[in-house]
Amino acid sequence: MSTFISDVFGKSGRLMLDALVNGEVIVPDQVADLALGRLRAKIPDLIEALNGHVTLHHRRIIRRSLDHLEFLETSIAELEEDMMQYFAPYQEQEVLLQTIPGVGPHVARVILAEIGTDMSVFPSASHLASWAGISPGNHESAGKKKEHERRKAIRR
């Protein structure tokens, strides 16, 4: 099935996996109902992929994987909800950071968490860029470029 579906845990993939786990023999009409969006063009391939030999052992492993994925998604949602209370006082700064091209809500929160709102700890914008590891630097003397070790930028 993963040969034909790029995201097995997407909406269509989960519907098909749930059907398999529940012991259903998936018939062509059912695949047509479960395949959404661009997967509808792959219905013949999906029918062939879904009608293999699935044992009780396979069903249990798939069920455990789906349950674990659901647990992780719930945990992430709860953590993000908890984080919202910590970022609530910084809504104005978060919105302002999002005016930077490429900075969305998540990146804005990472910047606030890493740097904070007190910029007085950095003598200049260049110092902040250097601290973050995004300063280009100039390691050249007498027209020769010098090898240097680069600081790794903050990545999330």
C-alpha atoms as a PDB file:
ATOM      1  CA  MET A   1       0.000   0.000   0.000  1.00  0.00           C
ATOM      2  CA  SER A   2       2.840   2.406   0.824  1.00  0.00           C
ATOM      3  CA  THR A   3       4.025   2.053  -2.775  1.00  0.00           C
ATOM      4  CA  PHE A   4       0.947   3.913  -3.979  1.00  0.00           C
ATOM      5  CA  ILE A   5       0.192   6.218  -1.029  1.00  0.00           C
ATOM      6  CA  SER A   6       2.808   8.827  -0.113  1.00  0.00           C
ATOM      7  CA  ASP A   7       1.283   9.396   3.353  1.00  0.00           C
ATOM      8  CA  VAL A   8       0.000   6.075   4.689  1.00  0.00           C
ATOM      9  CA  PHE A   9      -1.128   7.837   7.874  1.00  0.00           C
ATOM     10  CA  GLY A  10      -3.065  10.506   5.976  1.00  0.00           C
ATOM     11  CA  LYS A  11      -6.856  10.538   5.852  1.00  0.00           C
ATOM     12  CA  SER A  12      -7.282   7.943   3.068  1.00  0.00           C
ATOM     13  CA  GLY A  13      -4.473   5.749   4.384  1.00  0.00           C
ATOM     14  CA  ARG A  14      -5.948   5.652   7.877  1.00  0.00           C
ATOM     15  CA  LEU A  15      -9.387   4.771   6.544  1.00  0.00           C
ATOM     16  CA  MET A  16      -7.879   1.857   4.610  1.00  0.00           C
ATOM     17  CA  LEU A  17      -5.719   0.726   7.534  1.00  0.00           C
ATOM     18  CA  ASP A  18      -8.728   0.839   9.861  1.00  0.00           C
ATOM     19  CA  ALA A  19     -10.655  -1.331   7.409  1.00  0.00           C
ATOM     20  CA  LEU A  20      -7.771  -3.824   7.299  1.00  0.00           C
ATOM     21  CA  VAL A  21      -7.411  -3.861  11.086  1.00  0.00           C
ATOM     22  CA  ASN A  22     -11.132  -4.502  11.496  1.00  0.00           C
ATOM     23  CA  GLY A  23     -10.770  -7.635   9.367  1.00  0.00           C
ATOM     24  CA  GLU A  24     -12.711  -6.301   6.406  1.00  0.00           C
ATOM     25  CA  VAL A  25     -12.040  -7.731   2.984  1.00  0.00           C
ATOM     26  CA  ILE A  26     -11.728  -4.593   0.938  1.00  0.00           C
ATOM     27  CA  VAL A  27     -13.759  -4.737  -2.256  1.00  0.00           C
ATOM     28  CA  PRO A  28     -13.364  -2.361  -5.229  1.00  0.00           C
ATOM     29  CA  ASP A  29     -16.424  -0.274  -4.324  1.00  0.00           C
ATOM     30  CA  GLN A  30     -15.118   0.170  -0.779  1.00  0.00           C
ATOM     31  CA  VAL A  31     -11.683   1.292  -2.036  1.00  0.00           C
ATOM     32  CA  ALA A  32     -13.443   3.893  -4.182  1.00  0.00           C
ATOM     33  CA  ASP A  33     -15.160   5.209  -1.028  1.00  0.00           C
ATOM     34  CA  LEU A  34     -11.938   5.211   1.033  1.00  0.00           C
ATOM     35  CA  ALA A  35      -9.633   6.758  -1.583  1.00  0.00           C
ATOM     36  CA  LEU A  36      -9.865  10.531  -1.408  1.00  0.00           C
ATOM     37  CA  GLY A  37      -8.436  13.265  -3.628  1.00  0.00           C
ATOM     38  CA  ARG A  38      -5.580  12.288  -5.938  1.00  0.00           C
ATOM     39  CA  LEU A  39      -5.676   8.670  -4.731  1.00  0.00           C
ATOM     40  CA  ARG A  40      -8.862   8.114  -6.718  1.00  0.00           C
ATOM     41  CA  ALA A  41      -6.708   7.842  -9.855  1.00  0.00           C
ATOM     42  CA  LYS A  42      -4.835   4.935  -8.245  1.00  0.00           C
ATOM     43  CA  ILE A  43      -7.876   2.824  -7.294  1.00  0.00           C
ATOM     44  CA  PRO A  44      -6.927  -0.244  -9.412  1.00  0.00           C
ATOM     45  CA  ASP A  45      -3.419  -0.298  -7.875  1.00  0.00           C
ATOM     46  CA  LEU A  46      -4.827   0.178  -4.369  1.00  0.00           C
ATOM     47  CA  ILE A  47      -7.294  -2.702  -4.800  1.00  0.00           C
ATOM     48  CA  GLU A  48      -4.447  -5.000  -5.759  1.00  0.00           C
ATOM     49  CA  ALA A  49      -2.265  -3.791  -2.852  1.00  0.00           C
ATOM     50  CA  LEU A  50      -5.023  -4.087  -0.249  1.00  0.00           C
ATOM     51  CA  ASN A  51      -6.114  -7.618  -1.124  1.00  0.00           C
ATOM     52  CA  GLY A  52      -2.989  -9.418   0.033  1.00  0.00           C
ATOM     53  CA  HIS A  53      -2.716 -11.898   2.878  1.00  0.00           C
ATOM     54  CA  VAL A  54      -3.236 -10.010   6.161  1.00  0.00           C
ATOM     55  CA  THR A  55      -3.020 -12.199   9.256  1.00  0.00           C
ATOM     56  CA  LEU A  56      -4.281 -11.503  12.761  1.00  0.00           C
ATOM     57  CA  HIS A  57      -0.659 -10.746  13.710  1.00  0.00           C
ATOM     58  CA  HIS A  58      -0.459  -8.087  10.957  1.00  0.00           C
ATOM     59  CA  ARG A  59      -3.733  -6.555  12.115  1.00  0.00           C
ATOM     60  CA  ARG A  60      -2.485  -6.331  15.705  1.00  0.00           C
ATOM     61  CA  ILE A  61       0.780  -4.663  14.662  1.00  0.00           C
ATOM     62  CA  ILE A  62      -1.074  -2.149  12.481  1.00  0.00           C
ATOM     63  CA  ARG A  63      -3.541  -1.441  15.320  1.00  0.00           C
ATOM     64  CA  ARG A  64      -0.660  -0.846  17.763  1.00  0.00           C
ATOM     65  CA  SER A  65       0.982   1.529  15.285  1.00  0.00           C
ATOM     66  CA  LEU A  66      -2.257   3.455  14.764  1.00  0.00           C
ATOM     67  CA  ASP A  67      -2.895   3.626  18.523  1.00  0.00           C
ATOM     68  CA  HIS A  68       0.652   4.870  19.128  1.00  0.00           C
ATOM     69  CA  LEU A  69       0.325   7.482  16.399  1.00  0.00           C
ATOM     70  CA  GLU A  70      -2.967   8.673  17.895  1.00  0.00           C
ATOM     71  CA  PHE A  71      -1.329   8.867  21.346  1.00  0.00           C
ATOM     72  CA  LEU A  72       1.542  10.955  19.954  1.00  0.00           C
ATOM     73  CA  GLU A  73      -0.820  13.298  18.103  1.00  0.00           C
ATOM     74  CA  THR A  74      -2.900  13.784  21.249  1.00  0.00           C
ATOM     75  CA  SER A  75       0.220  14.415  23.348  1.00  0.00           C
ATOM     76  CA  ILE A  76       1.524  16.982  20.871  1.00  0.00           C
ATOM     77  CA  ALA A  77      -1.847  18.755  20.804  1.00  0.00           C
ATOM     78  CA  GLU A  78      -1.923  18.874  24.622  1.00  0.00           C
ATOM     79  CA  LEU A  79       1.646  20.232  24.795  1.00  0.00           C
ATOM     80  CA  GLU A  80       0.866  22.893  22.207  1.00  0.00           C
ATOM     81  CA  GLU A  81      -2.214  23.864  24.209  1.00  0.00           C
ATOM     82  CA  ASP A  82      -0.081  24.137  27.366  1.00  0.00           C
ATOM     83  CA  MET A  83       2.474  26.247  25.507  1.00  0.00           C
ATOM     84  CA  MET A  84      -0.194  28.742  24.490  1.00  0.00           C
ATOM     85  CA  GLN A  85      -0.515  29.929  28.102  1.00  0.00           C
ATOM     86  CA  TYR A  86       3.221  30.698  28.211  1.00  0.00           C
ATOM     87  CA  PHE A  87       3.145  32.613  24.929  1.00  0.00           C
ATOM     88  CA  ALA A  88      -0.078  34.513  25.692  1.00  0.00           C
ATOM     89  CA  PRO A  89       1.752  37.561  27.169  1.00  0.00           C
ATOM     90  CA  TYR A  90       3.905  37.780  24.030  1.00  0.00           C
ATOM     91  CA  GLN A  91       1.186  37.885  21.365  1.00  0.00           C
ATOM     92  CA  GLU A  92       2.280  41.298  20.098  1.00  0.00           C
ATOM     93  CA  GLN A  93       5.908  40.180  19.682  1.00  0.00           C
ATOM     94  CA  GLU A  94       4.790  36.932  18.039  1.00  0.00           C
ATOM     95  CA  VAL A  95       2.676  38.807  15.495  1.00  0.00           C
ATOM     96  CA  LEU A  96       5.530  41.239  14.821  1.00  0.00           C
ATOM     97  CA  LEU A  97       8.012  38.377  14.247  1.00  0.00           C
ATOM     98  CA  GLN A  98       5.621  36.840  11.724  1.00  0.00           C
ATOM     99  CA  THR A  99       6.024  39.885   9.502  1.00  0.00           C
ATOM    100  CA  ILE A 100       9.495  38.522   8.659  1.00  0.00           C
ATOM    101  CA  PRO A 101       9.287  36.508   5.408  1.00  0.00           C
ATOM    102  CA  GLY A 102       9.380  32.786   6.180  1.00  0.00           C
ATOM    103  CA  VAL A 103       8.527  33.180   9.865  1.00  0.00           C
ATOM    104  CA  GLY A 104       5.229  31.608  10.851  1.00  0.00           C
ATOM    105  CA  PRO A 105       3.669  31.036  14.279  1.00  0.00           C
ATOM    106  CA  HIS A 106       5.897  28.070  15.168  1.00  0.00           C
ATOM    107  CA  VAL A 107       9.168  29.760  14.203  1.00  0.00           C
ATOM    108  CA  ALA A 108       8.097  32.963  15.967  1.00  0.00           C
ATOM    109  CA  ARG A 109       7.573  30.979  19.183  1.00  0.00           C
ATOM    110  CA  VAL A 110      10.959  29.276  18.788  1.00  0.00           C
ATOM    111  CA  ILE A 111      12.626  32.676  18.394  1.00  0.00           C
ATOM    112  CA  LEU A 112      10.836  33.998  21.484  1.00  0.00           C
ATOM    113  CA  ALA A 113      11.772  30.886  23.474  1.00  0.00           C
ATOM    114  CA  GLU A 114      15.442  30.989  22.423  1.00  0.00           C
ATOM    115  CA  ILE A 115      16.112  34.737  22.497  1.00  0.00           C
ATOM    116  CA  GLY A 116      13.339  36.193  24.626  1.00  0.00           C
ATOM    117  CA  THR A 117      12.112  39.758  24.320  1.00  0.00           C
ATOM    118  CA  ASP A 118      14.950  41.634  26.050  1.00  0.00           C
ATOM    119  CA  MET A 119      17.272  42.675  23.239  1.00  0.00           C
ATOM    120  CA  SER A 120      19.463  44.750  25.576  1.00  0.00           C
ATOM    121  CA  VAL A 121      21.636  41.652  26.109  1.00  0.00           C
ATOM    122  CA  PHE A 122      22.860  42.091  22.521  1.00  0.00           C
ATOM    123  CA  PRO A 123      24.870  45.269  21.845  1.00  0.00           C
ATOM    124  CA  SER A 124      23.719  45.280  18.200  1.00  0.00           C
ATOM    125  CA  ALA A 125      21.764  43.366  15.594  1.00  0.00           C
ATOM    126  CA  SER A 126      25.077  41.980  14.318  1.00  0.00           C
ATOM    127  CA  HIS A 127      25.798  40.478  17.731  1.00  0.00           C
ATOM    128  CA  LEU A 128      22.399  38.784  17.720  1.00  0.00           C
ATOM    129  CA  ALA A 129      22.995  37.404  14.204  1.00  0.00           C
ATOM    130  CA  SER A 130      26.407  36.136  15.273  1.00  0.00           C
ATOM    131  CA  TRP A 131      24.979  34.513  18.410  1.00  0.00           C
ATOM    132  CA  ALA A 132      22.318  32.787  16.302  1.00  0.00           C
ATOM    133  CA  GLY A 133      24.990  31.493  13.913  1.00  0.00           C
ATOM    134  CA  ILE A 134      23.604  33.266  10.862  1.00  0.00           C
ATOM    135  CA  SER A 135      26.263  35.949  10.536  1.00  0.00           C
ATOM    136  CA  PRO A 136      28.259  35.508   7.315  1.00  0.00           C
ATOM    137  CA  GLY A 137      31.611  36.635   8.741  1.00  0.00           C
ATOM    138  CA  ASN A 138      34.683  37.632   6.789  1.00  0.00           C
ATOM    139  CA  HIS A 139      37.644  35.345   7.203  1.00  0.00           C
ATOM    140  CA  GLU A 140      40.006  36.865   4.694  1.00  0.00           C
ATOM    141  CA  SER A 141      43.417  38.409   5.051  1.00  0.00           C
ATOM    142  CA  ALA A 142      45.755  39.715   2.353  1.00  0.00           C
ATOM    143  CA  GLY A 143      43.288  38.498  -0.277  1.00  0.00           C
ATOM    144  CA  LYS A 144      43.407  34.902   0.985  1.00  0.00           C
ATOM    145  CA  LYS A 145      40.363  33.209   2.422  1.00  0.00           C
ATOM    146  CA  LYS A 146      41.033  31.406   5.674  1.00  0.00           C
ATOM    147  CA  GLU A 147      39.448  28.143   6.685  1.00  0.00           C
ATOM    148  CA  HIS A 148      37.408  28.437   9.817  1.00  0.00           C
ATOM    149  CA  GLU A 149      34.981  26.416  11.825  1.00  0.00           C
ATOM    150  CA  ARG A 150      31.435  27.638  11.440  1.00  0.00           C
ATOM    151  CA  ARG A 151      29.076  27.810  14.346  1.00  0.00           C
ATOM    152  CA  LYS A 152      25.964  25.765  13.793  1.00  0.00           C
ATOM    153  CA  ALA A 153      22.860  27.920  13.508  1.00  0.00           C
ATOM    154  CA  ILE A 154      19.841  27.234  15.689  1.00  0.00           C
ATOM    155  CA  ARG A 155      17.662  24.753  13.813  1.00  0.00           C
ATOM    156  CA  ARG A 156      14.292  23.381  14.766  1.00  0.00           C
END
